Structure formats: structure tokens, C-alpha cells
């Protein structure tokens, strides 16, 4: 299974932060939803760090593995 590293930037104003949370929309959740189009199964994204609610990022590093490339 191929693994990928991505570096992303985002405006966190309208989000509950990086990490998945039940009480709102997270950056990790949005990314996992988008990556679901590449794989039939759920894709788990692992961030090298995390941001709190309303905090922006300019170089957040994350990785994920998918079944097919």
C-alpha cells in the first residue's frame, strides 16, 4: 500500500481545529472525506502536529496510506 506525505496550508477560522471532533468540522475530517474518493475504504490521515479551533496553518505536514494509487 502506498503511503503519501502532504504539506498543506489552511485558514482555520471556521473549523474546530485539525483533529477530528464530534462537535464540529475539522481539517482532518475534511481531508479524510476528500481522500475517500481515492479509496473504497476509510482513509486515516495522521498529522505531524495539530491546531486548535480558529488557528491557521502554513506548512502542516500529514501522511496517509491508501489501498490503491
PDB file of N, CA and C in Angstrom:
ATOM      1  N   UNK A   1       0.841  -1.178   0.000  1.00  0.00           N
ATOM      2  CA  UNK A   1       0.000   0.000   0.000  1.00  0.00           C
ATOM      3  C   UNK A   1       0.886   1.241   0.000  1.00  0.00           C
ATOM      4  N   UNK A   2       0.651   2.142  -0.926  1.00  0.00           N
ATOM      5  CA  UNK A   2       1.468   3.351  -0.972  1.00  0.00           C
ATOM      6  C   UNK A   2       1.109   4.336   0.145  1.00  0.00           C
ATOM      7  N   UNK A   3       2.150   4.949   0.693  1.00  0.00           N
ATOM      8  CA  UNK A   3       1.969   5.998   1.701  1.00  0.00           C
ATOM      9  C   UNK A   3       2.363   7.330   1.086  1.00  0.00           C
ATOM     10  N   UNK A   4       1.698   8.381   1.505  1.00  0.00           N
ATOM     11  CA  UNK A   4       1.932   9.709   0.963  1.00  0.00           C
ATOM     12  C   UNK A   4       2.130  10.715   2.080  1.00  0.00           C
ATOM     13  N   UNK A   5       2.994  11.683   1.824  1.00  0.00           N
ATOM     14  CA  UNK A   5       3.191  12.830   2.719  1.00  0.00           C
ATOM     15  C   UNK A   5       2.660  14.053   1.985  1.00  0.00           C
ATOM     16  N   UNK A   6       1.905  14.867   2.691  1.00  0.00           N
ATOM     17  CA  UNK A   6       1.424  16.110   2.107  1.00  0.00           C
ATOM     18  C   UNK A   6       1.753  17.261   3.056  1.00  0.00           C
ATOM     19  N   UNK A   7       1.925  18.422   2.472  1.00  0.00           N
ATOM     20  CA  UNK A   7       2.114  19.648   3.242  1.00  0.00           C
ATOM     21  C   UNK A   7       1.014  20.597   2.821  1.00  0.00           C
ATOM     22  N   UNK A   8       0.257  21.095   3.779  1.00  0.00           N
ATOM     23  CA  UNK A   8      -0.871  21.946   3.427  1.00  0.00           C
ATOM     24  C   UNK A   8      -0.935  23.200   4.270  1.00  0.00           C
ATOM     25  N   UNK A   9      -1.646  24.158   3.729  1.00  0.00           N
ATOM     26  CA  UNK A   9      -1.914  25.411   4.434  1.00  0.00           C
ATOM     27  C   UNK A   9      -3.420  25.585   4.473  1.00  0.00           C
ATOM     28  N   UNK A  10      -3.913  26.168   5.553  1.00  0.00           N
ATOM     29  CA  UNK A  10      -5.353  26.399   5.646  1.00  0.00           C
ATOM     30  C   UNK A  10      -5.665  27.559   6.572  1.00  0.00           C
ATOM     31  N   UNK A  11      -6.820  28.135   6.331  1.00  0.00           N
ATOM     32  CA  UNK A  11      -7.388  29.176   7.187  1.00  0.00           C
ATOM     33  C   UNK A  11      -8.333  28.460   8.139  1.00  0.00           C
ATOM     34  N   UNK A  12      -7.994  28.396   9.393  1.00  0.00           N
ATOM     35  CA  UNK A  12      -8.764  27.630  10.362  1.00  0.00           C
ATOM     36  C   UNK A  12      -9.912  28.377  11.015  1.00  0.00           C
ATOM     37  N   UNK A  13     -10.244  29.556  10.518  1.00  0.00           N
ATOM     38  CA  UNK A  13     -11.258  30.401  11.149  1.00  0.00           C
ATOM     39  C   UNK A  13     -12.555  29.669  11.458  1.00  0.00           C
ATOM     40  N   UNK A  14     -13.076  28.917  10.514  1.00  0.00           N
ATOM     41  CA  UNK A  14     -14.399  28.298  10.669  1.00  0.00           C
ATOM     42  C   UNK A  14     -14.353  26.836  11.109  1.00  0.00           C
ATOM     43  N   UNK A  15     -13.219  26.380  11.642  1.00  0.00           N
ATOM     44  CA  UNK A  15     -13.063  24.966  11.964  1.00  0.00           C
ATOM     45  C   UNK A  15     -12.736  24.759  13.443  1.00  0.00           C
ATOM     46  N   UNK A  16     -12.988  23.552  13.932  1.00  0.00           N
ATOM     47  CA  UNK A  16     -12.729  23.223  15.343  1.00  0.00           C
ATOM     48  C   UNK A  16     -11.267  22.858  15.590  1.00  0.00           C
ATOM     49  N   UNK A  17     -10.443  22.984  14.568  1.00  0.00           N
ATOM     50  CA  UNK A  17      -9.030  22.658  14.660  1.00  0.00           C
ATOM     51  C   UNK A  17      -8.674  21.534  13.702  1.00  0.00           C
ATOM     52  N   UNK A  18      -7.461  21.019  13.846  1.00  0.00           N
ATOM     53  CA  UNK A  18      -7.001  19.940  12.972  1.00  0.00           C
ATOM     54  C   UNK A  18      -7.706  18.628  13.272  1.00  0.00           C
ATOM     55  N   UNK A  19      -7.759  18.232  14.516  1.00  0.00           N
ATOM     56  CA  UNK A  19      -8.159  16.884  14.926  1.00  0.00           C
ATOM     57  C   UNK A  19      -9.665  16.653  14.819  1.00  0.00           C
ATOM     58  N   UNK A  20     -10.037  15.424  14.428  1.00  0.00           N
ATOM     59  CA  UNK A  20     -11.447  15.036  14.382  1.00  0.00           C
ATOM     60  C   UNK A  20     -12.119  15.287  15.726  1.00  0.00           C
ATOM     61  N   UNK A  21     -13.302  15.888  15.672  1.00  0.00           N
ATOM     62  CA  UNK A  21     -14.079  16.137  16.878  1.00  0.00           C
ATOM     63  C   UNK A  21     -15.554  15.969  16.548  1.00  0.00           C
ATOM     64  N   UNK A  22     -16.318  15.527  17.516  1.00  0.00           N
ATOM     65  CA  UNK A  22     -17.748  15.294  17.311  1.00  0.00           C
ATOM     66  C   UNK A  22     -18.544  16.592  17.253  1.00  0.00           C
ATOM     67  N   UNK A  23     -17.978  17.673  17.766  1.00  0.00           N
ATOM     68  CA  UNK A  23     -18.748  18.907  17.889  1.00  0.00           C
ATOM     69  C   UNK A  23     -18.572  19.893  16.742  1.00  0.00           C
ATOM     70  N   UNK A  24     -17.976  19.487  15.635  1.00  0.00           N
ATOM     71  CA  UNK A  24     -17.826  20.421  14.527  1.00  0.00           C
ATOM     72  C   UNK A  24     -16.960  19.873  13.412  1.00  0.00           C
ATOM     73  N   UNK A  25     -16.706  20.735  12.434  1.00  0.00           N
ATOM     74  CA  UNK A  25     -15.941  20.365  11.243  1.00  0.00           C
ATOM     75  C   UNK A  25     -14.454  20.606  11.503  1.00  0.00           C
ATOM     76  N   UNK A  26     -13.650  19.565  11.262  1.00  0.00           N
ATOM     77  CA  UNK A  26     -12.199  19.667  11.452  1.00  0.00           C
ATOM     78  C   UNK A  26     -11.483  19.578  10.107  1.00  0.00           C
ATOM     79  N   UNK A  27     -10.259  20.065  10.073  1.00  0.00           N
ATOM     80  CA  UNK A  27      -9.445  19.975   8.864  1.00  0.00           C
ATOM     81  C   UNK A  27      -9.154  18.509   8.540  1.00  0.00           C
ATOM     82  N   UNK A  28      -8.805  17.719   9.532  1.00  0.00           N
ATOM     83  CA  UNK A  28      -8.542  16.291   9.325  1.00  0.00           C
ATOM     84  C   UNK A  28      -9.769  15.603   8.732  1.00  0.00           C
ATOM     85  N   UNK A  29     -10.938  15.903   9.246  1.00  0.00           N
ATOM     86  CA  UNK A  29     -12.166  15.300   8.743  1.00  0.00           C
ATOM     87  C   UNK A  29     -12.445  15.663   7.298  1.00  0.00           C
ATOM     88  N   UNK A  30     -12.234  16.932   6.949  1.00  0.00           N
ATOM     89  CA  UNK A  30     -12.435  17.355   5.562  1.00  0.00           C
ATOM     90  C   UNK A  30     -11.473  16.644   4.625  1.00  0.00           C
ATOM     91  N   UNK A  31     -10.223  16.531   5.042  1.00  0.00           N
ATOM     92  CA  UNK A  31      -9.220  15.865   4.220  1.00  0.00           C
ATOM     93  C   UNK A  31      -9.543  14.384   4.050  1.00  0.00           C
ATOM     94  N   UNK A  32      -9.940  13.726   5.116  1.00  0.00           N
ATOM     95  CA  UNK A  32     -10.299  12.306   5.027  1.00  0.00           C
ATOM     96  C   UNK A  32     -11.517  12.102   4.130  1.00  0.00           C
ATOM     97  N   UNK A  33     -12.486  12.996   4.196  1.00  0.00           N
ATOM     98  CA  UNK A  33     -13.652  12.910   3.311  1.00  0.00           C
ATOM     99  C   UNK A  33     -13.232  13.046   1.851  1.00  0.00           C
ATOM    100  N   UNK A  34     -12.332  13.980   1.560  1.00  0.00           N
ATOM    101  CA  UNK A  34     -11.865  14.185   0.186  1.00  0.00           C
ATOM    102  C   UNK A  34     -11.062  12.987  -0.314  1.00  0.00           C
ATOM    103  N   UNK A  35     -10.250  12.386   0.540  1.00  0.00           N
ATOM    104  CA  UNK A  35      -9.421  11.246   0.136  1.00  0.00           C
ATOM    105  C   UNK A  35     -10.229   9.972  -0.061  1.00  0.00           C
ATOM    106  N   UNK A  36     -11.417   9.919   0.490  1.00  0.00           N
ATOM    107  CA  UNK A  36     -12.283   8.753   0.320  1.00  0.00           C
ATOM    108  C   UNK A  36     -12.575   8.492  -1.159  1.00  0.00           C
ATOM    109  N   UNK A  37     -12.478   9.521  -1.988  1.00  0.00           N
ATOM    110  CA  UNK A  37     -12.698   9.358  -3.430  1.00  0.00           C
ATOM    111  C   UNK A  37     -11.590   8.526  -4.082  1.00  0.00           C
ATOM    112  N   UNK A  38     -10.430   8.410  -3.434  1.00  0.00           N
ATOM    113  CA  UNK A  38      -9.309   7.640  -3.983  1.00  0.00           C
ATOM    114  C   UNK A  38      -9.307   6.182  -3.564  1.00  0.00           C
ATOM    115  N   UNK A  39     -10.095   5.844  -2.583  1.00  0.00           N
ATOM    116  CA  UNK A  39     -10.047   4.508  -1.997  1.00  0.00           C
ATOM    117  C   UNK A  39     -11.453   4.122  -1.540  1.00  0.00           C
ATOM    118  N   UNK A  40     -11.799   2.867  -1.664  1.00  0.00           N
ATOM    119  CA  UNK A  40     -13.130   2.419  -1.252  1.00  0.00           C
ATOM    120  C   UNK A  40     -13.297   2.396   0.264  1.00  0.00           C
ATOM    121  N   UNK A  41     -12.200   2.305   0.992  1.00  0.00           N
ATOM    122  CA  UNK A  41     -12.277   2.229   2.446  1.00  0.00           C
ATOM    123  C   UNK A  41     -11.965   3.597   3.051  1.00  0.00           C
ATOM    124  N   UNK A  42     -12.192   3.714   4.338  1.00  0.00           N
ATOM    125  CA  UNK A  42     -11.865   4.960   5.024  1.00  0.00           C
ATOM    126  C   UNK A  42     -10.355   5.165   5.030  1.00  0.00           C
ATOM    127  N   UNK A  43      -9.930   6.378   4.785  1.00  0.00           N
ATOM    128  CA  UNK A  43      -8.516   6.738   4.807  1.00  0.00           C
ATOM    129  C   UNK A  43      -8.270   7.541   6.079  1.00  0.00           C
ATOM    130  N   UNK A  44      -7.311   7.114   6.886  1.00  0.00           N
ATOM    131  CA  UNK A  44      -6.969   7.819   8.128  1.00  0.00           C
ATOM    132  C   UNK A  44      -5.751   8.700   7.868  1.00  0.00           C
ATOM    133  N   UNK A  45      -5.899   9.974   8.124  1.00  0.00           N
ATOM    134  CA  UNK A  45      -4.810  10.935   7.962  1.00  0.00           C
ATOM    135  C   UNK A  45      -4.170  11.171   9.329  1.00  0.00           C
ATOM    136  N   UNK A  46      -2.844  11.161   9.363  1.00  0.00           N
ATOM    137  CA  UNK A  46      -2.107  11.424  10.592  1.00  0.00           C
ATOM    138  C   UNK A  46      -1.343  12.732  10.437  1.00  0.00           C
ATOM    139  N   UNK A  47      -1.618  13.679  11.308  1.00  0.00           N
ATOM    140  CA  UNK A  47      -0.935  14.965  11.258  1.00  0.00           C
ATOM    141  C   UNK A  47       0.318  14.957  12.115  1.00  0.00           C
ATOM    142  N   UNK A  48       1.348  15.681  11.670  1.00  0.00           N
ATOM    143  CA  UNK A  48       2.585  15.788  12.440  1.00  0.00           C
ATOM    144  C   UNK A  48       2.412  16.728  13.630  1.00  0.00           C
ATOM    145  N   UNK A  49       1.386  17.533  13.575  1.00  0.00           N
ATOM    146  CA  UNK A  49       1.057  18.453  14.661  1.00  0.00           C
ATOM    147  C   UNK A  49      -0.432  18.723  14.580  1.00  0.00           C
ATOM    148  N   UNK A  50      -0.910  19.645  15.390  1.00  0.00           N
ATOM    149  CA  UNK A  50      -2.325  19.968  15.311  1.00  0.00           C
ATOM    150  C   UNK A  50      -2.536  21.428  15.670  1.00  0.00           C
ATOM    151  N   UNK A  51      -3.647  21.956  15.212  1.00  0.00           N
ATOM    152  CA  UNK A  51      -4.015  23.325  15.544  1.00  0.00           C
ATOM    153  C   UNK A  51      -5.323  23.308  16.319  1.00  0.00           C
ATOM    154  N   UNK A  52      -5.518  24.328  17.119  1.00  0.00           N
ATOM    155  CA  UNK A  52      -6.756  24.481  17.879  1.00  0.00           C
ATOM    156  C   UNK A  52      -7.799  25.199  17.034  1.00  0.00           C
ATOM    157  N   UNK A  53      -8.988  25.325  17.559  1.00  0.00           N
ATOM    158  CA  UNK A  53     -10.085  25.997  16.862  1.00  0.00           C
ATOM    159  C   UNK A  53      -9.671  27.410  16.467  1.00  0.00           C
ATOM    160  N   UNK A  54      -9.965  27.753  15.203  1.00  0.00           N
ATOM    161  CA  UNK A  54      -9.708  29.094  14.712  1.00  0.00           C
ATOM    162  C   UNK A  54      -8.270  29.405  14.346  1.00  0.00           C
ATOM    163  N   UNK A  55      -7.364  28.442  14.495  1.00  0.00           N
ATOM    164  CA  UNK A  55      -5.939  28.676  14.224  1.00  0.00           C
ATOM    165  C   UNK A  55      -5.611  28.256  12.796  1.00  0.00           C
ATOM    166  N   UNK A  56      -4.804  29.060  12.109  1.00  0.00           N
ATOM    167  CA  UNK A  56      -4.410  28.797  10.727  1.00  0.00           C
ATOM    168  C   UNK A  56      -3.106  27.993  10.690  1.00  0.00           C
ATOM    169  N   UNK A  57      -2.818  27.428   9.524  1.00  0.00           N
ATOM    170  CA  UNK A  57      -1.561  26.692   9.340  1.00  0.00           C
ATOM    171  C   UNK A  57      -0.949  27.058   7.996  1.00  0.00           C
ATOM    172  N   UNK A  58       0.369  27.091   7.977  1.00  0.00           N
ATOM    173  CA  UNK A  58       1.115  27.375   6.755  1.00  0.00           C
ATOM    174  C   UNK A  58       2.284  26.390   6.694  1.00  0.00           C
ATOM    175  N   UNK A  59       1.974  25.128   6.439  1.00  0.00           N
ATOM    176  CA  UNK A  59       3.005  24.103   6.390  1.00  0.00           C
ATOM    177  C   UNK A  59       2.697  22.913   7.284  1.00  0.00           C
ATOM    178  N   UNK A  60       1.421  22.618   7.479  1.00  0.00           N
ATOM    179  CA  UNK A  60       1.009  21.441   8.253  1.00  0.00           C
ATOM    180  C   UNK A  60       1.388  20.192   7.464  1.00  0.00           C
ATOM    181  N   UNK A  61       2.125  19.294   8.071  1.00  0.00           N
ATOM    182  CA  UNK A  61       2.552  18.057   7.415  1.00  0.00           C
ATOM    183  C   UNK A  61       1.665  16.921   7.902  1.00  0.00           C
ATOM    184  N   UNK A  62       1.223  16.090   6.962  1.00  0.00           N
ATOM    185  CA  UNK A  62       0.375  14.945   7.296  1.00  0.00           C
ATOM    186  C   UNK A  62       0.727  13.790   6.370  1.00  0.00           C
ATOM    187  N   UNK A  63       0.314  12.596   6.760  1.00  0.00           N
ATOM    188  CA  UNK A  63       0.540  11.423   5.918  1.00  0.00           C
ATOM    189  C   UNK A  63      -0.700  10.544   5.923  1.00  0.00           C
ATOM    190  N   UNK A  64      -0.791   9.722   4.881  1.00  0.00           N
ATOM    191  CA  UNK A  64      -1.894   8.772   4.775  1.00  0.00           C
ATOM    192  C   UNK A  64      -1.480   7.629   3.868  1.00  0.00           C
ATOM    193  N   UNK A  65      -2.143   6.514   4.009  1.00  0.00           N
ATOM    194  CA  UNK A  65      -1.910   5.328   3.196  1.00  0.00           C
ATOM    195  C   UNK A  65      -3.213   4.961   2.515  1.00  0.00           C
ATOM    196  N   UNK A  66      -3.124   4.618   1.237  1.00  0.00           N
ATOM    197  CA  UNK A  66      -4.318   4.177   0.520  1.00  0.00           C
ATOM    198  C   UNK A  66      -4.076   2.789  -0.063  1.00  0.00           C
ATOM    199  N   UNK A  67      -5.164   2.100  -0.320  1.00  0.00           N
ATOM    200  CA  UNK A  67      -5.106   0.743  -0.850  1.00  0.00           C
ATOM    201  C   UNK A  67      -4.555   0.732  -2.273  1.00  0.00           C
ATOM    202  N   UNK A  68      -4.941   1.719  -3.063  1.00  0.00           N
ATOM    203  CA  UNK A  68      -4.507   1.767  -4.461  1.00  0.00           C
ATOM    204  C   UNK A  68      -4.029   3.165  -4.801  1.00  0.00           C
ATOM    205  N   UNK A  69      -3.146   3.264  -5.783  1.00  0.00           N
ATOM    206  CA  UNK A  69      -2.608   4.573  -6.189  1.00  0.00           C
ATOM    207  C   UNK A  69      -3.232   5.035  -7.482  1.00  0.00           C
TER     208      UNK A  69
END
